[in-house]
């Protein structure tokens, strides 16, 4: 079962999507690869299991945007994608908050130095925008 909820972030409206066990997506309203049904998400608060993941995500995002310091555990992630996309998305998790990197550096990190354009495409398809 998939649960969705809209949330207003400091960067604009986002759609949160989760299973009972993990966060599967965070999309901005105008994002190119946002899923269908953004306008009418299922109210997550009606589902006990899904609302726990959504609630934990909102708490984490509020902490993330508040910049108050300290660590807060990120909800478990389970984005759906190919093995290659998963490797790129895993590499993205290693970028420290507030830092940047290049597609070339990510390609080197996943041991596919010639796959810079494919890495860029995978980043663009990342269902967890933050």
Protein backbone atom coordinates (compact mmCIF):
# COMPACT_ATOMS: atom_id res chain seq x y z
CA UNK A 1 0.00 0.00 0.00
CA UNK A 2 1.24 3.49 -0.88
CA UNK A 3 0.45 6.57 1.21
CA UNK A 4 0.78 10.15 0.02
CA UNK A 5 0.60 13.52 1.72
CA UNK A 6 1.31 17.08 0.65
CA UNK A 7 3.62 19.14 2.82
CA UNK A 8 4.59 22.79 2.50
CA UNK A 9 8.38 23.10 2.70
CA UNK A 10 10.36 26.34 2.78
CA UNK A 11 11.22 25.55 -0.86
CA UNK A 12 7.60 25.01 -1.93
CA UNK A 13 4.91 22.36 -1.94
CA UNK A 14 6.11 18.74 -1.92
CA UNK A 15 4.46 15.37 -2.19
CA UNK A 16 5.59 12.76 0.34
CA UNK A 17 5.06 9.12 -0.55
CA UNK A 18 5.64 6.11 1.70
CA UNK A 19 4.91 2.47 2.25
CA UNK A 20 4.20 1.25 5.79
CA UNK A 21 7.96 0.65 6.12
CA UNK A 22 9.85 3.36 4.23
CA UNK A 23 9.80 6.66 2.40
CA UNK A 24 9.60 6.09 -1.35
CA UNK A 25 9.46 9.64 -2.67
CA UNK A 26 9.68 13.37 -1.99
CA UNK A 27 8.77 15.39 -5.07
CA UNK A 28 8.42 19.13 -5.60
CA UNK A 29 5.16 20.22 -7.18
CA UNK A 30 6.74 21.30 -10.47
CA UNK A 31 9.34 18.52 -10.65
CA UNK A 32 9.63 16.91 -14.09
CA UNK A 33 9.29 13.30 -12.92
CA UNK A 34 6.69 13.76 -10.18
CA UNK A 35 4.13 10.95 -10.12
CA UNK A 36 0.56 11.27 -11.35
CA UNK A 37 -2.03 12.16 -8.77
CA UNK A 38 -0.03 14.95 -7.11
CA UNK A 39 -3.17 17.07 -6.86
CA UNK A 40 -5.16 14.46 -4.90
CA UNK A 41 -2.89 12.50 -2.57
CA UNK A 42 -4.29 9.92 -0.19
CA UNK A 43 -4.51 11.49 3.27
CA UNK A 44 -1.82 9.59 5.15
CA UNK A 45 -3.30 10.41 8.54
CA UNK A 46 -6.09 7.88 7.85
CA UNK A 47 -3.64 4.98 7.81
CA UNK A 48 -1.76 4.10 11.00
CA UNK A 49 1.24 2.38 9.37
CA UNK A 50 1.75 4.87 6.55
CA UNK A 51 1.22 7.88 8.75
CA UNK A 52 4.14 6.86 11.00
CA UNK A 53 6.57 7.02 8.09
CA UNK A 54 5.04 10.25 6.78
CA UNK A 55 5.07 11.75 10.29
CA UNK A 56 8.73 10.80 10.78
CA UNK A 57 9.53 12.30 7.38
CA UNK A 58 7.82 15.60 8.20
CA UNK A 59 9.68 15.76 11.54
CA UNK A 60 12.99 15.06 9.77
CA UNK A 61 12.29 17.66 7.05
CA UNK A 62 11.30 20.31 9.61
CA UNK A 63 14.57 19.66 11.44
CA UNK A 64 16.52 19.66 8.14
CA UNK A 65 15.13 23.05 7.12
CA UNK A 66 15.40 24.61 10.60
CA UNK A 67 19.23 24.34 10.59
CA UNK A 68 19.21 24.06 14.37
CA UNK A 69 22.07 21.61 14.33
CA UNK A 70 22.33 18.15 15.75
CA UNK A 71 21.42 14.90 14.10
CA UNK A 72 17.97 13.51 13.60
CA UNK A 73 17.55 10.05 12.13
CA UNK A 74 16.30 10.11 8.56
CA UNK A 75 13.36 7.79 7.87
CA UNK A 76 14.24 4.58 6.01
CA UNK A 77 14.32 5.02 2.24
CA UNK A 78 13.05 2.63 -0.44
CA UNK A 79 12.97 4.47 -3.78
CA UNK A 80 12.11 2.34 -6.77
CA UNK A 81 14.68 2.25 -9.58
CA UNK A 82 17.16 0.18 -11.53
CA UNK A 83 20.28 -1.26 -9.94
CA UNK A 84 22.34 1.50 -11.57
CA UNK A 85 19.97 4.23 -10.34
CA UNK A 86 20.08 2.73 -6.85
CA UNK A 87 23.88 2.88 -6.86
CA UNK A 88 23.79 6.56 -7.85
CA UNK A 89 21.15 7.38 -5.24
CA UNK A 90 23.18 5.56 -2.58
CA UNK A 91 26.19 7.67 -3.54
CA UNK A 92 24.09 10.83 -3.17
CA UNK A 93 23.41 9.91 0.46
CA UNK A 94 27.14 10.27 1.13
CA UNK A 95 27.22 13.96 0.18
CA UNK A 96 27.36 15.98 3.41
CA UNK A 97 24.52 18.44 4.00
CA UNK A 98 25.29 21.80 2.38
CA UNK A 99 28.01 20.38 0.11
CA UNK A 100 28.01 19.75 -3.63
CA UNK A 101 29.69 17.36 -6.01
CA UNK A 102 29.81 16.71 -9.74
CA UNK A 103 28.30 14.00 -11.90
CA UNK A 104 31.85 13.01 -12.81
CA UNK A 105 32.81 12.57 -9.16
CA UNK A 106 29.69 10.46 -8.57
CA UNK A 107 30.53 8.33 -11.62
CA UNK A 108 34.04 7.76 -10.21
CA UNK A 109 32.60 6.92 -6.80
CA UNK A 110 30.32 4.18 -8.19
CA UNK A 111 33.20 2.84 -10.30
CA UNK A 112 31.60 3.83 -13.63
CA UNK A 113 33.87 6.73 -14.68
CA UNK A 114 32.54 6.81 -18.26
CA UNK A 115 28.87 6.91 -17.18
CA UNK A 116 28.71 10.64 -16.38
CA UNK A 117 25.62 11.27 -18.52
CA UNK A 118 23.87 8.18 -17.12
CA UNK A 119 24.68 9.39 -13.60
CA UNK A 120 23.16 12.79 -14.47
CA UNK A 121 20.01 11.05 -15.75
CA UNK A 122 19.77 8.95 -12.58
CA UNK A 123 20.09 12.06 -10.42
CA UNK A 124 17.29 13.66 -12.43
CA UNK A 125 15.07 10.63 -11.82
CA UNK A 126 15.79 10.47 -8.07
CA UNK A 127 12.39 10.17 -6.38
CA UNK A 128 13.73 11.56 -3.10
CA UNK A 129 14.54 15.15 -3.98
CA UNK A 130 16.21 16.07 -0.71
